[in-house]
C-alpha atoms as a PDB file:
ATOM      1  CA  MET A   1     -56.204   0.244  14.271  1.00  0.00           C
ATOM      2  CA  GLY A   2     -54.636  -1.867  11.544  1.00  0.00           C
ATOM      3  CA  ARG A   3     -52.353  -0.635   8.817  1.00  0.00           C
ATOM      4  CA  TYR A   4     -52.349  -1.655   5.192  1.00  0.00           C
ATOM      5  CA  ARG A   5     -50.029  -4.658   4.780  1.00  0.00           C
ATOM      6  CA  ILE A   6     -48.495  -6.465   1.810  1.00  0.00           C
ATOM      7  CA  LEU A   7     -47.055 -10.001   1.797  1.00  0.00           C
ATOM      8  CA  VAL A   8     -43.749 -10.021  -0.112  1.00  0.00           C
ATOM      9  CA  GLU A   9     -40.954 -12.442  -0.894  1.00  0.00           C
ATOM     10  CA  SER A  10     -37.290 -11.689  -1.435  1.00  0.00           C
ATOM     11  CA  VAL A  11     -36.044 -12.310  -4.972  1.00  0.00           C
ATOM     12  CA  ARG A  12     -32.447 -12.179  -6.136  1.00  0.00           C
ATOM     13  CA  THR A  13     -32.085 -10.325  -9.446  1.00  0.00           C
ATOM     14  CA  SER A  14     -29.174  -9.146 -11.587  1.00  0.00           C
ATOM     15  CA  LYS A  15     -29.682  -5.700 -10.028  1.00  0.00           C
ATOM     16  CA  GLY A  16     -29.531  -7.080  -6.498  1.00  0.00           C
ATOM     17  CA  PRO A  17     -32.150  -8.347  -4.046  1.00  0.00           C
ATOM     18  CA  ARG A  18     -35.695  -7.120  -4.588  1.00  0.00           C
ATOM     19  CA  GLN A  19     -39.072  -7.705  -2.990  1.00  0.00           C
ATOM     20  CA  ARG A  20     -41.874  -9.161  -5.071  1.00  0.00           C
ATOM     21  CA  THR A  21     -45.460  -8.694  -3.958  1.00  0.00           C
ATOM     22  CA  ILE A  22     -47.274 -11.961  -3.344  1.00  0.00           C
ATOM     23  CA  MET A  23     -50.577 -10.484  -2.236  1.00  0.00           C
ATOM     24  CA  GLN A  24     -52.199  -7.416  -0.790  1.00  0.00           C
ATOM     25  CA  LEU A  25     -53.381  -8.179   2.743  1.00  0.00           C
ATOM     26  CA  GLY A  26     -55.243  -4.946   3.325  1.00  0.00           C
ATOM     27  CA  LYS A  27     -55.716  -3.591   6.819  1.00  0.00           C
ATOM     28  CA  ILE A  28     -54.902  -6.168   9.453  1.00  0.00           C
ATOM     29  CA  SER A  29     -54.824  -5.714  13.177  1.00  0.00           C
ATOM     30  CA  ILE A  30     -53.208  -8.887  14.459  1.00  0.00           C
ATOM     31  CA  PRO A  31     -50.244  -8.604  16.830  1.00  0.00           C
ATOM     32  CA  ARG A  32     -46.826  -8.491  15.182  1.00  0.00           C
ATOM     33  CA  ASP A  33     -45.759 -11.743  16.868  1.00  0.00           C
ATOM     34  CA  GLN A  34     -48.535 -13.547  14.922  1.00  0.00           C
ATOM     35  CA  TRP A  35     -47.364 -12.325  11.496  1.00  0.00           C
ATOM     36  CA  PRO A  36     -45.128 -15.375  10.910  1.00  0.00           C
ATOM     37  CA  ILE A  37     -48.092 -17.612  11.720  1.00  0.00           C
ATOM     38  CA  LEU A  38     -50.262 -15.661   9.262  1.00  0.00           C
ATOM     39  CA  ALA A  39     -47.551 -15.941   6.578  1.00  0.00           C
ATOM     40  CA  GLY A  40     -47.323 -19.694   7.190  1.00  0.00           C
ATOM     41  CA  VAL A  41     -51.100 -20.126   7.023  1.00  0.00           C
ATOM     42  CA  LEU A  42     -51.259 -18.127   3.776  1.00  0.00           C
ATOM     43  CA  GLU A  43     -48.413 -20.129   2.265  1.00  0.00           C
ATOM     44  CA  GLN A  44     -50.118 -23.393   3.204  1.00  0.00           C
ATOM     45  CA  ASP A  45     -53.450 -22.224   1.790  1.00  0.00           C
ATOM     46  CA  LEU A  46     -51.951 -20.930  -1.469  1.00  0.00           C
ATOM     47  CA  SER A  47     -49.787 -23.990  -2.048  1.00  0.00           C
ATOM     48  CA  GLY A  48     -52.502 -26.459  -1.089  1.00  0.00           C
ATOM     49  CA  GLN A  49     -50.183 -28.239   1.331  1.00  0.00           C
ATOM     50  CA  ALA A  50     -51.427 -29.578   4.641  1.00  0.00           C
ATOM     51  CA  ALA A  51     -48.260 -28.597   6.488  1.00  0.00           C
ATOM     52  CA  LEU A  52     -44.994 -27.104   5.342  1.00  0.00           C
ATOM     53  CA  PRO A  53     -41.918 -29.018   6.502  1.00  0.00           C
ATOM     54  CA  ALA A  54     -39.835 -25.846   7.024  1.00  0.00           C
ATOM     55  CA  LEU A  55     -42.405 -24.389   9.410  1.00  0.00           C
ATOM     56  CA  PRO A  56     -43.575 -25.719  12.746  1.00  0.00           C
ATOM     57  CA  ALA A  57     -46.814 -27.640  12.545  1.00  0.00           C
ATOM     58  CA  PHE A  58     -49.682 -25.275  13.238  1.00  0.00           C
ATOM     59  CA  GLU A  59     -52.226 -26.822  15.512  1.00  0.00           C
ATOM     60  CA  ASP A  60     -55.724 -25.407  15.277  1.00  0.00           C
ATOM     61  CA  ASN A  61     -55.575 -24.160  18.861  1.00  0.00           C
ATOM     62  CA  LEU A  62     -52.402 -22.136  18.102  1.00  0.00           C
ATOM     63  CA  ILE A  63     -53.958 -20.313  15.167  1.00  0.00           C
ATOM     64  CA  THR A  64     -56.154 -17.658  16.605  1.00  0.00           C
ATOM     65  CA  LEU A  65     -59.515 -16.927  15.108  1.00  0.00           C
ATOM     66  CA  THR A  66     -58.261 -13.489  14.066  1.00  0.00           C
ATOM     67  CA  VAL A  67     -55.329 -14.974  12.119  1.00  0.00           C
ATOM     68  CA  ARG A  68     -57.590 -17.495  10.392  1.00  0.00           C
ATOM     69  CA  LYS A  69     -60.156 -14.837   9.441  1.00  0.00           C
ATOM     70  CA  THR A  70     -57.410 -12.521   8.196  1.00  0.00           C
ATOM     71  CA  ALA A  71     -55.944 -15.327   6.081  1.00  0.00           C
ATOM     72  CA  GLU A  72     -59.350 -16.251   4.636  1.00  0.00           C
ATOM     73  CA  ARG A  73     -60.107 -12.628   3.765  1.00  0.00           C
ATOM     74  CA  ALA A  74     -56.686 -12.214   2.107  1.00  0.00           C
ATOM     75  CA  ILE A  75     -57.082 -15.452   0.110  1.00  0.00           C
ATOM     76  CA  THR A  76     -60.562 -14.412  -1.019  1.00  0.00           C
ATOM     77  CA  HIS A  77     -59.276 -11.024  -2.151  1.00  0.00           C
ATOM     78  CA  TYR A  78     -56.290 -12.658  -3.878  1.00  0.00           C
ATOM     79  CA  CYS A  79     -58.497 -15.142  -5.773  1.00  0.00           C
ATOM     80  CA  PHE A  80     -60.891 -12.365  -6.787  1.00  0.00           C
ATOM     81  CA  SER A  81     -58.077 -10.146  -8.074  1.00  0.00           C
ATOM     82  CA  GLN A  82     -56.518 -13.060  -9.999  1.00  0.00           C
ATOM     83  CA  TYR A  83     -59.914 -13.783 -11.567  1.00  0.00           C
ATOM     84  CA  ARG A  84     -60.334 -10.111 -12.544  1.00  0.00           C
ATOM     85  CA  LYS A  85     -56.854 -10.033 -14.127  1.00  0.00           C
ATOM     86  CA  ALA A  86     -57.581 -13.163 -16.168  1.00  0.00           C
ATOM     87  CA  GLU A  87     -60.982 -11.797 -17.184  1.00  0.00           C
ATOM     88  CA  SER A  88     -59.441  -8.491 -18.291  1.00  0.00           C
ATOM     89  CA  LYS A  89     -56.729 -10.277 -20.282  1.00  0.00           C
ATOM     90  CA  GLN A  90     -59.335 -12.432 -21.998  1.00  0.00           C
ATOM     91  CA  ARG A  91     -61.421  -9.380 -22.934  1.00  0.00           C
ATOM     92  CA  LYS A  92     -58.363  -7.659 -24.414  1.00  0.00           C
ATOM     93  CA  GLU A  93     -57.546 -10.737 -26.488  1.00  0.00           C
ATOM     94  CA  GLN A  94     -61.107 -10.897 -27.840  1.00  0.00           C
ATOM     95  CA  ARG A  95     -61.248  -7.273 -28.983  1.00  0.00           C
ATOM     96  CA  PRO A  96     -61.449  -6.878 -32.752  1.00  0.00           C
ATOM     97  CA  GLN A  97     -58.268  -5.541 -34.246  1.00  0.00           C
ATOM     98  CA  PHE A  98     -58.646  -2.759 -36.739  1.00  0.00           C
ATOM     99  CA  ILE A  99     -56.113  -2.326 -39.495  1.00  0.00           C
ATOM    100  CA  LEU A 100     -55.710   1.091 -41.008  1.00  0.00           C
ATOM    101  CA  SER A 101     -54.728   1.117 -44.611  1.00  0.00           C
ATOM    102  CA  ALA A 102     -54.121   4.109 -46.782  1.00  0.00           C
ATOM    103  CA  PHE A 103     -55.443   4.224 -50.289  1.00  0.00           C
ATOM    104  CA  PHE A 104     -53.431   6.340 -52.704  1.00  0.00           C
END
């Protein structure tokens, strides 16, 4: 049974190193040794690059179907949540602003 996973990156701040959430992966059940492959696939998909020079080239036969499906599901969820955030921000900006004034 998979556990809920989050993809993070390390960020150096004035208060020391911190982790910043990149995306919520949800429940995944791929073996731990395939996590770096999943992270590489997600990074490639999010950046739009065909292959990242710092990572080994991923041949289609090395990426299991489970890793690919997990990556596609995570990307879909990520795009949906980004869309919802933008939509919510736009609605907030379009709300009429009421000004209270006191008459004495």
